[in-house]
Amino acid sequence: MAKPIVAVAVVAAGALGLAACASGNSGGGGGGGGGKTLIISTDLPLQGANKDASDSTNNAIQLYLDSIGSKVGDYTIKLQPYDDSTAAAAKWDSAQCTANAKAHVANKAEVAVMGTLNSGCAKIEVPILNQDPNGPMLMLSHANTNVGLTKTWDPG
């Protein structure tokens, strides 16, 4: 079971890195040689029952970034994990999802989000990410299953 999670995480990290470079969005900081630093993030529950899977996803992405020297072309890619859970809830939390989405949009160097793990959290975050002043922020989930996140839901 761990192999599919790691494979998805590695592929997603690669896709996010390529999407980040293609976006043309420049972030703060230099990555040596005048390159720009871009941030890809994860937005996962780091507490409760999904902690181990979320930690594995973050570790797999960081391992991939380390293997490529955190560089894609002239860009330095950094991982920024966000926790969408709270200790009190021990699972994703709607207020934390809202706060994370606002933080994603506020971070000018951030270009893409991998997550969320739960469709309920994604439903909260997607409208906020769509309001990013630089254009809708890319969100790639390896777990959301609610088709109503990407098209009008047809009840029944």
N, C-alpha and C. Protein backbone atom coordinates (compact mmCIF):
# COMPACT_ATOMS: atom_id res chain seq x y z
N MET A 1 0.82 -1.20 0.00
CA MET A 1 0.00 0.00 0.00
C MET A 1 0.86 1.25 0.00
N ALA A 2 2.01 1.22 0.63
CA ALA A 2 2.86 2.41 0.70
C ALA A 2 3.44 2.76 -0.66
N LYS A 3 3.72 1.75 -1.51
CA LYS A 3 4.30 2.03 -2.82
C LYS A 3 3.42 2.92 -3.68
N PRO A 4 2.09 2.67 -3.78
CA PRO A 4 1.27 3.59 -4.58
C PRO A 4 1.29 5.01 -4.05
N ILE A 5 1.29 5.20 -2.75
CA ILE A 5 1.32 6.54 -2.17
C ILE A 5 2.62 7.23 -2.55
N VAL A 6 3.74 6.51 -2.43
CA VAL A 6 5.03 7.10 -2.77
C VAL A 6 5.09 7.41 -4.26
N ALA A 7 4.60 6.50 -5.09
CA ALA A 7 4.63 6.74 -6.54
C ALA A 7 3.80 7.96 -6.91
N VAL A 8 2.62 8.07 -6.33
CA VAL A 8 1.77 9.23 -6.61
C VAL A 8 2.45 10.51 -6.14
N ALA A 9 3.06 10.46 -4.98
CA ALA A 9 3.72 11.66 -4.44
C ALA A 9 4.89 12.09 -5.32
N VAL A 10 5.69 11.13 -5.78
CA VAL A 10 6.83 11.47 -6.62
C VAL A 10 6.36 12.05 -7.95
N VAL A 11 5.37 11.43 -8.56
CA VAL A 11 4.84 11.95 -9.82
C VAL A 11 4.22 13.33 -9.62
N ALA A 12 3.48 13.49 -8.54
CA ALA A 12 2.86 14.79 -8.27
C ALA A 12 3.91 15.86 -8.04
N ALA A 13 4.97 15.53 -7.33
CA ALA A 13 6.03 16.52 -7.09
C ALA A 13 6.66 16.94 -8.40
N GLY A 14 6.90 15.97 -9.27
CA GLY A 14 7.46 16.31 -10.57
C GLY A 14 6.53 17.18 -11.38
N ALA A 15 5.25 16.85 -11.36
CA ALA A 15 4.26 17.64 -12.09
C ALA A 15 4.15 19.05 -11.53
N LEU A 16 4.16 19.14 -10.20
CA LEU A 16 4.09 20.46 -9.59
C LEU A 16 5.32 21.29 -9.92
N GLY A 17 6.48 20.66 -9.92
CA GLY A 17 7.70 21.37 -10.26
C GLY A 17 7.68 21.89 -11.68
N LEU A 18 7.22 21.05 -12.60
CA LEU A 18 7.14 21.49 -13.99
C LEU A 18 6.08 22.56 -14.17
N ALA A 19 4.96 22.41 -13.49
CA ALA A 19 3.91 23.42 -13.58
C ALA A 19 4.40 24.74 -13.00
N ALA A 20 5.16 24.66 -11.94
CA ALA A 20 5.69 25.88 -11.32
C ALA A 20 6.59 26.62 -12.30
N CYS A 21 7.41 25.90 -12.99
CA CYS A 21 8.32 26.55 -13.92
C CYS A 21 7.58 27.10 -15.12
N ALA A 22 6.56 26.42 -15.55
CA ALA A 22 5.81 26.87 -16.71
C ALA A 22 4.93 28.06 -16.41
N SER A 23 4.65 28.28 -15.12
CA SER A 23 3.72 29.35 -14.77
C SER A 23 4.29 30.73 -15.02
N GLY A 24 5.60 30.85 -15.02
CA GLY A 24 6.22 32.16 -15.19
C GLY A 24 6.10 33.02 -13.95
N ASN A 25 5.53 32.51 -12.89
CA ASN A 25 5.36 33.26 -11.64
C ASN A 25 6.69 33.29 -10.92
N SER A 26 7.20 34.44 -10.64
CA SER A 26 8.48 34.51 -9.95
C SER A 26 8.25 34.79 -8.48
N GLY A 27 9.10 34.17 -7.70
CA GLY A 27 8.98 34.36 -6.27
C GLY A 27 10.17 35.12 -5.74
N GLY A 28 10.17 35.31 -4.46
CA GLY A 28 11.27 36.02 -3.83
C GLY A 28 12.47 35.12 -3.68
N GLY A 29 13.59 35.73 -3.49
CA GLY A 29 14.79 34.98 -3.19
C GLY A 29 15.48 34.46 -4.41
N GLY A 30 16.74 34.31 -4.31
CA GLY A 30 17.52 33.78 -5.42
C GLY A 30 17.94 32.37 -5.13
N GLY A 31 17.98 31.57 -6.16
CA GLY A 31 18.40 30.19 -6.01
C GLY A 31 19.79 29.99 -6.55
N GLY A 32 20.66 30.96 -6.45
CA GLY A 32 22.01 30.85 -6.98
C GLY A 32 21.99 31.14 -8.46
N GLY A 33 22.94 31.86 -8.93
CA GLY A 33 23.03 32.16 -10.35
C GLY A 33 21.89 33.03 -10.84
N GLY A 34 21.25 33.76 -9.97
CA GLY A 34 20.19 34.67 -10.39
C GLY A 34 18.86 34.00 -10.60
N GLY A 35 18.74 32.69 -10.32
CA GLY A 35 17.47 31.99 -10.49
C GLY A 35 16.46 32.40 -9.44
N LYS A 36 15.25 32.02 -9.68
CA LYS A 36 14.17 32.36 -8.75
C LYS A 36 13.79 31.14 -7.91
N THR A 37 13.27 31.41 -6.72
CA THR A 37 12.80 30.35 -5.84
C THR A 37 11.28 30.30 -5.92
N LEU A 38 10.77 29.13 -6.18
CA LEU A 38 9.33 28.89 -6.22
C LEU A 38 8.99 27.88 -5.14
N ILE A 39 7.80 28.01 -4.61
CA ILE A 39 7.34 27.10 -3.56
C ILE A 39 6.18 26.27 -4.06
N ILE A 40 6.31 24.96 -3.88
CA ILE A 40 5.17 24.07 -4.02
C ILE A 40 4.81 23.67 -2.60
N SER A 41 3.55 23.48 -2.35
CA SER A 41 3.13 23.15 -1.00
C SER A 41 2.31 21.88 -0.99
N THR A 42 2.22 21.33 0.19
CA THR A 42 1.24 20.27 0.43
C THR A 42 0.28 20.81 1.47
N ASP A 43 -0.94 20.35 1.40
CA ASP A 43 -1.97 20.76 2.35
C ASP A 43 -2.67 19.49 2.80
N LEU A 44 -2.16 18.92 3.87
CA LEU A 44 -2.58 17.59 4.31
C LEU A 44 -2.79 17.57 5.82
N PRO A 45 -3.60 16.59 6.31
CA PRO A 45 -3.75 16.45 7.76
C PRO A 45 -2.50 15.81 8.36
N LEU A 46 -1.79 16.57 9.17
CA LEU A 46 -0.55 16.09 9.78
C LEU A 46 -0.76 15.61 11.21
N GLN A 47 -2.04 15.49 11.61
CA GLN A 47 -2.40 14.98 12.92
C GLN A 47 -3.55 13.99 12.75
N GLY A 48 -3.67 13.09 13.66
CA GLY A 48 -4.78 12.14 13.62
C GLY A 48 -4.48 10.92 12.76
N ALA A 49 -5.54 10.26 12.30
CA ALA A 49 -5.43 8.97 11.61
C ALA A 49 -4.67 9.04 10.29
N ASN A 50 -4.64 10.19 9.64
CA ASN A 50 -3.97 10.31 8.34
C ASN A 50 -2.54 10.83 8.44
N LYS A 51 -2.04 11.02 9.65
CA LYS A 51 -0.71 11.59 9.85
C LYS A 51 0.38 10.80 9.13
N ASP A 52 0.39 9.48 9.28
CA ASP A 52 1.45 8.67 8.68
C ASP A 52 1.46 8.79 7.16
N ALA A 53 0.30 8.71 6.54
CA ALA A 53 0.22 8.83 5.08
C ALA A 53 0.65 10.22 4.62
N SER A 54 0.24 11.24 5.36
CA SER A 54 0.62 12.61 5.00
C SER A 54 2.12 12.82 5.18
N ASP A 55 2.69 12.31 6.26
CA ASP A 55 4.13 12.40 6.46
C ASP A 55 4.87 11.69 5.34
N SER A 56 4.39 10.52 4.94
CA SER A 56 5.02 9.77 3.85
C SER A 56 4.97 10.56 2.54
N THR A 57 3.86 11.22 2.28
CA THR A 57 3.74 12.03 1.08
C THR A 57 4.74 13.18 1.10
N ASN A 58 4.80 13.90 2.22
CA ASN A 58 5.76 15.00 2.34
C ASN A 58 7.20 14.51 2.21
N ASN A 59 7.50 13.38 2.83
CA ASN A 59 8.86 12.83 2.76
C ASN A 59 9.21 12.42 1.33
N ALA A 60 8.26 11.82 0.62
CA ALA A 60 8.51 11.40 -0.76
C ALA A 60 8.77 12.60 -1.66
N ILE A 61 7.99 13.65 -1.50
CA ILE A 61 8.20 14.86 -2.30
C ILE A 61 9.56 15.47 -1.99
N GLN A 62 9.90 15.56 -0.70
CA GLN A 62 11.20 16.13 -0.34
C GLN A 62 12.34 15.28 -0.88
N LEU A 63 12.18 13.96 -0.83
CA LEU A 63 13.20 13.05 -1.37
C LEU A 63 13.40 13.31 -2.85
N TYR A 64 12.29 13.47 -3.58
CA TYR A 64 12.39 13.76 -5.01
C TYR A 64 13.11 15.09 -5.24
N LEU A 65 12.71 16.12 -4.50
CA LEU A 65 13.35 17.42 -4.66
C LEU A 65 14.85 17.33 -4.33
N ASP A 66 15.19 16.60 -3.29
CA ASP A 66 16.60 16.42 -2.94
C ASP A 66 17.35 15.71 -4.08
N SER A 67 16.69 14.74 -4.71
CA SER A 67 17.36 13.97 -5.77
C SER A 67 17.65 14.81 -7.01
N ILE A 68 16.92 15.90 -7.20
CA ILE A 68 17.16 16.78 -8.34
C ILE A 68 17.83 18.08 -7.89
N GLY A 69 18.32 18.09 -6.67
CA GLY A 69 18.98 19.27 -6.14
C GLY A 69 18.04 20.44 -5.95
N SER A 70 16.76 20.15 -5.85
CA SER A 70 15.72 21.19 -5.71
C SER A 70 15.78 22.22 -6.83
N LYS A 71 16.26 21.81 -7.98
CA LYS A 71 16.40 22.73 -9.12
C LYS A 71 15.66 22.17 -10.33
N VAL A 72 14.97 23.07 -11.02
CA VAL A 72 14.38 22.78 -12.31
C VAL A 72 14.71 23.98 -13.19
N GLY A 73 15.58 23.77 -14.16
CA GLY A 73 16.04 24.90 -14.97
C GLY A 73 16.71 25.93 -14.07
N ASP A 74 16.31 27.18 -14.21
CA ASP A 74 16.87 28.26 -13.39
C ASP A 74 16.14 28.43 -12.07
N TYR A 75 15.20 27.56 -11.77
CA TYR A 75 14.37 27.72 -10.57
C TYR A 75 14.82 26.79 -9.46
N THR A 76 14.78 27.30 -8.25
CA THR A 76 14.94 26.48 -7.05
C THR A 76 13.54 26.22 -6.53
N ILE A 77 13.23 24.96 -6.28
CA ILE A 77 11.90 24.57 -5.83
C ILE A 77 11.99 24.17 -4.37
N LYS A 78 11.16 24.79 -3.55
CA LYS A 78 11.11 24.46 -2.12
C LYS A 78 9.73 23.90 -1.78
N LEU A 79 9.71 22.98 -0.85
CA LEU A 79 8.47 22.38 -0.35
C LEU A 79 8.03 23.10 0.92
N GLN A 80 6.75 23.46 0.98
CA GLN A 80 6.17 24.08 2.18
C GLN A 80 4.97 23.25 2.61
N PRO A 81 5.12 22.37 3.60
CA PRO A 81 3.97 21.61 4.08
C PRO A 81 3.04 22.48 4.94
N TYR A 82 1.75 22.32 4.73
CA TYR A 82 0.72 22.96 5.55
C TYR A 82 -0.09 21.85 6.21
N ASP A 83 -0.48 22.06 7.45
CA ASP A 83 -1.30 21.11 8.20
C ASP A 83 -2.74 21.61 8.18
N ASP A 84 -3.64 20.84 7.57
CA ASP A 84 -5.04 21.26 7.54
C ASP A 84 -5.87 20.61 8.65
N SER A 85 -5.17 19.98 9.60
CA SER A 85 -5.85 19.39 10.75
C SER A 85 -5.53 20.19 12.01
N THR A 86 -6.26 19.88 13.05
CA THR A 86 -5.96 20.46 14.36
C THR A 86 -5.84 19.34 15.38
N ALA A 87 -5.13 19.60 16.45
CA ALA A 87 -4.98 18.60 17.51
C ALA A 87 -6.34 18.28 18.12
N ALA A 88 -7.17 19.30 18.28
CA ALA A 88 -8.48 19.08 18.90
C ALA A 88 -9.37 18.18 18.04
N ALA A 89 -9.34 18.39 16.74
CA ALA A 89 -10.19 17.59 15.84
C ALA A 89 -9.54 16.26 15.50
N ALA A 90 -8.20 16.21 15.48
CA ALA A 90 -7.44 15.03 15.07
C ALA A 90 -7.79 14.61 13.64
N LYS A 91 -8.19 15.58 12.82
CA LYS A 91 -8.49 15.38 11.41
C LYS A 91 -8.57 16.77 10.77
N TRP A 92 -8.90 16.81 9.50
CA TRP A 92 -8.99 18.11 8.83
C TRP A 92 -10.04 18.97 9.52
N ASP A 93 -9.81 20.27 9.46
CA ASP A 93 -10.66 21.22 10.17
C ASP A 93 -11.01 22.36 9.21
N SER A 94 -12.28 22.70 9.12
CA SER A 94 -12.71 23.70 8.13
C SER A 94 -12.05 25.06 8.35
N ALA A 95 -11.89 25.50 9.59
CA ALA A 95 -11.24 26.78 9.84
C ALA A 95 -9.77 26.74 9.43
N GLN A 96 -9.12 25.61 9.67
CA GLN A 96 -7.71 25.47 9.28
C GLN A 96 -7.58 25.42 7.76
N CYS A 97 -8.53 24.78 7.08
CA CYS A 97 -8.51 24.75 5.61
C CYS A 97 -8.64 26.16 5.05
N THR A 98 -9.52 26.96 5.63
CA THR A 98 -9.68 28.35 5.20
C THR A 98 -8.40 29.14 5.42
N ALA A 99 -7.82 29.00 6.60
CA ALA A 99 -6.58 29.72 6.92
C ALA A 99 -5.45 29.30 5.97
N ASN A 100 -5.34 28.01 5.69
CA ASN A 100 -4.29 27.54 4.78
C ASN A 100 -4.48 28.11 3.38
N ALA A 101 -5.71 28.08 2.88
CA ALA A 101 -5.96 28.59 1.53
C ALA A 101 -5.58 30.06 1.43
N LYS A 102 -5.91 30.84 2.44
CA LYS A 102 -5.53 32.26 2.45
C LYS A 102 -4.01 32.41 2.49
N ALA A 103 -3.33 31.54 3.23
CA ALA A 103 -1.87 31.59 3.31
C ALA A 103 -1.24 31.21 1.97
N HIS A 104 -1.82 30.23 1.27
CA HIS A 104 -1.31 29.85 -0.06
C HIS A 104 -1.33 31.06 -0.99
N VAL A 105 -2.45 31.73 -1.03
CA VAL A 105 -2.63 32.87 -1.93
C VAL A 105 -1.74 34.04 -1.52
N ALA A 106 -1.53 34.22 -0.23
CA ALA A 106 -0.73 35.34 0.26
C ALA A 106 0.76 35.16 -0.02
N ASN A 107 1.21 33.93 -0.17
CA ASN A 107 2.63 33.66 -0.41
C ASN A 107 2.93 33.83 -1.89
N LYS A 108 3.55 34.93 -2.25
CA LYS A 108 3.80 35.27 -3.65
C LYS A 108 4.72 34.28 -4.36
N ALA A 109 5.54 33.57 -3.62
CA ALA A 109 6.44 32.59 -4.23
C ALA A 109 5.77 31.24 -4.45
N GLU A 110 4.62 31.03 -3.83
CA GLU A 110 3.93 29.74 -3.93
C GLU A 110 3.15 29.66 -5.24
N VAL A 111 3.36 28.56 -5.96
CA VAL A 111 2.74 28.43 -7.27
C VAL A 111 1.80 27.24 -7.41
N ALA A 112 1.85 26.28 -6.48
CA ALA A 112 1.02 25.09 -6.61
C ALA A 112 0.84 24.41 -5.25
N VAL A 113 -0.28 23.72 -5.12
CA VAL A 113 -0.62 23.01 -3.89
C VAL A 113 -0.91 21.55 -4.23
N MET A 114 -0.28 20.62 -3.51
CA MET A 114 -0.67 19.23 -3.59
C MET A 114 -1.52 18.94 -2.37
N GLY A 115 -2.73 18.58 -2.60
CA GLY A 115 -3.69 18.34 -1.54
C GLY A 115 -4.99 18.92 -2.00
N THR A 116 -5.91 18.86 -1.29
CA THR A 116 -6.00 18.31 0.06
C THR A 116 -6.26 16.81 0.00
N LEU A 117 -6.27 16.19 1.15
CA LEU A 117 -6.57 14.76 1.22
C LEU A 117 -8.08 14.54 1.24
N ASN A 118 -8.82 15.50 1.76
CA ASN A 118 -10.25 15.35 1.95
C ASN A 118 -11.03 16.32 1.07
N SER A 119 -12.06 15.81 0.39
CA SER A 119 -12.87 16.64 -0.51
C SER A 119 -13.53 17.79 0.23
N GLY A 120 -13.91 17.59 1.47
CA GLY A 120 -14.55 18.66 2.24
C GLY A 120 -13.63 19.85 2.42
N CYS A 121 -12.36 19.60 2.67
CA CYS A 121 -11.37 20.66 2.80
C CYS A 121 -11.14 21.32 1.44
N ALA A 122 -11.05 20.52 0.39
CA ALA A 122 -10.85 21.06 -0.96
C ALA A 122 -12.00 21.98 -1.36
N LYS A 123 -13.21 21.60 -0.99
CA LYS A 123 -14.38 22.42 -1.32
C LYS A 123 -14.26 23.81 -0.71
N ILE A 124 -13.61 23.91 0.44
CA ILE A 124 -13.38 25.19 1.10
C ILE A 124 -12.24 25.95 0.41
N GLU A 125 -11.18 25.24 0.07
CA GLU A 125 -9.97 25.89 -0.45
C GLU A 125 -10.06 26.32 -1.92
N VAL A 126 -10.70 25.52 -2.75
CA VAL A 126 -10.70 25.82 -4.19
C VAL A 126 -11.19 27.23 -4.52
N PRO A 127 -12.32 27.69 -3.97
CA PRO A 127 -12.75 29.06 -4.31
C PRO A 127 -11.74 30.13 -3.89
N ILE A 128 -11.03 29.91 -2.79
CA ILE A 128 -10.02 30.88 -2.35
C ILE A 128 -8.82 30.83 -3.28
N LEU A 129 -8.37 29.64 -3.64
CA LEU A 129 -7.23 29.51 -4.56
C LEU A 129 -7.55 30.09 -5.93
N ASN A 130 -8.81 30.01 -6.32
CA ASN A 130 -9.23 30.60 -7.60
C ASN A 130 -9.15 32.11 -7.60
N GLN A 131 -9.07 32.73 -6.42
CA GLN A 131 -9.00 34.18 -6.31
C GLN A 131 -7.57 34.71 -6.20
N ASP A 132 -6.58 33.84 -6.39
CA ASP A 132 -5.19 34.28 -6.34
C ASP A 132 -4.99 35.42 -7.34
N PRO A 133 -4.43 36.55 -6.92
CA PRO A 133 -4.24 37.70 -7.82
C PRO A 133 -3.41 37.37 -9.06
N ASN A 134 -2.57 36.33 -9.00
CA ASN A 134 -1.76 35.93 -10.15
C ASN A 134 -2.49 34.95 -11.06
N GLY A 135 -3.76 34.70 -10.79
CA GLY A 135 -4.53 33.71 -11.53
C GLY A 135 -4.78 32.52 -10.63
N PRO A 136 -5.72 31.68 -10.99
CA PRO A 136 -6.03 30.53 -10.13
C PRO A 136 -4.79 29.69 -9.85
N MET A 137 -4.60 29.35 -8.58
CA MET A 137 -3.45 28.55 -8.19
C MET A 137 -3.73 27.08 -8.50
N LEU A 138 -2.73 26.41 -9.05
CA LEU A 138 -2.83 25.00 -9.36
C LEU A 138 -2.99 24.20 -8.08
N MET A 139 -3.99 23.32 -8.06
CA MET A 139 -4.18 22.40 -6.94
C MET A 139 -4.31 21.00 -7.52
N LEU A 140 -3.48 20.10 -7.03
CA LEU A 140 -3.46 18.73 -7.50
C LEU A 140 -3.66 17.83 -6.30
N SER A 141 -4.71 17.02 -6.33
CA SER A 141 -4.97 16.13 -5.21
C SER A 141 -4.80 14.68 -5.61
N HIS A 142 -4.21 13.93 -4.74
CA HIS A 142 -4.05 12.50 -4.94
C HIS A 142 -5.15 11.70 -4.25
N ALA A 143 -6.15 12.42 -3.70
CA ALA A 143 -7.14 11.69 -2.92
C ALA A 143 -8.57 12.20 -3.05
N ASN A 144 -8.82 13.42 -3.47
CA ASN A 144 -10.19 13.93 -3.52
C ASN A 144 -11.00 13.15 -4.54
N THR A 145 -12.23 12.79 -4.14
CA THR A 145 -13.08 11.98 -5.01
C THR A 145 -14.40 12.64 -5.36
N ASN A 146 -14.73 13.76 -4.75
CA ASN A 146 -16.02 14.41 -5.01
C ASN A 146 -15.96 15.10 -6.37
N VAL A 147 -16.72 14.60 -7.34
CA VAL A 147 -16.70 15.18 -8.69
C VAL A 147 -17.26 16.59 -8.71
N GLY A 148 -18.00 16.97 -7.66
CA GLY A 148 -18.53 18.31 -7.58
C GLY A 148 -17.46 19.38 -7.35
N LEU A 149 -16.22 18.97 -7.14
CA LEU A 149 -15.14 19.94 -6.97
C LEU A 149 -14.75 20.57 -8.31
N THR A 150 -14.97 19.85 -9.41
CA THR A 150 -14.52 20.35 -10.71
C THR A 150 -15.63 20.57 -11.71
N LYS A 151 -16.84 20.14 -11.39
CA LYS A 151 -17.96 20.39 -12.27
C LYS A 151 -19.24 20.43 -11.43
N THR A 152 -20.27 21.02 -11.98
CA THR A 152 -21.53 21.12 -11.26
C THR A 152 -21.99 19.71 -10.91
N TRP A 153 -22.33 19.52 -9.66
CA TRP A 153 -22.77 18.22 -9.19
C TRP A 153 -24.17 17.93 -9.67
N ASP A 154 -24.38 16.74 -10.17
CA ASP A 154 -25.68 16.31 -10.64
C ASP A 154 -26.25 15.38 -9.58
N PRO A 155 -27.10 15.92 -8.67
CA PRO A 155 -27.63 15.06 -7.62
C PRO A 155 -28.43 13.90 -8.19
N GLY A 156 -28.19 12.73 -7.68
CA GLY A 156 -28.93 11.55 -8.13
C GLY A 156 -28.27 10.93 -9.31
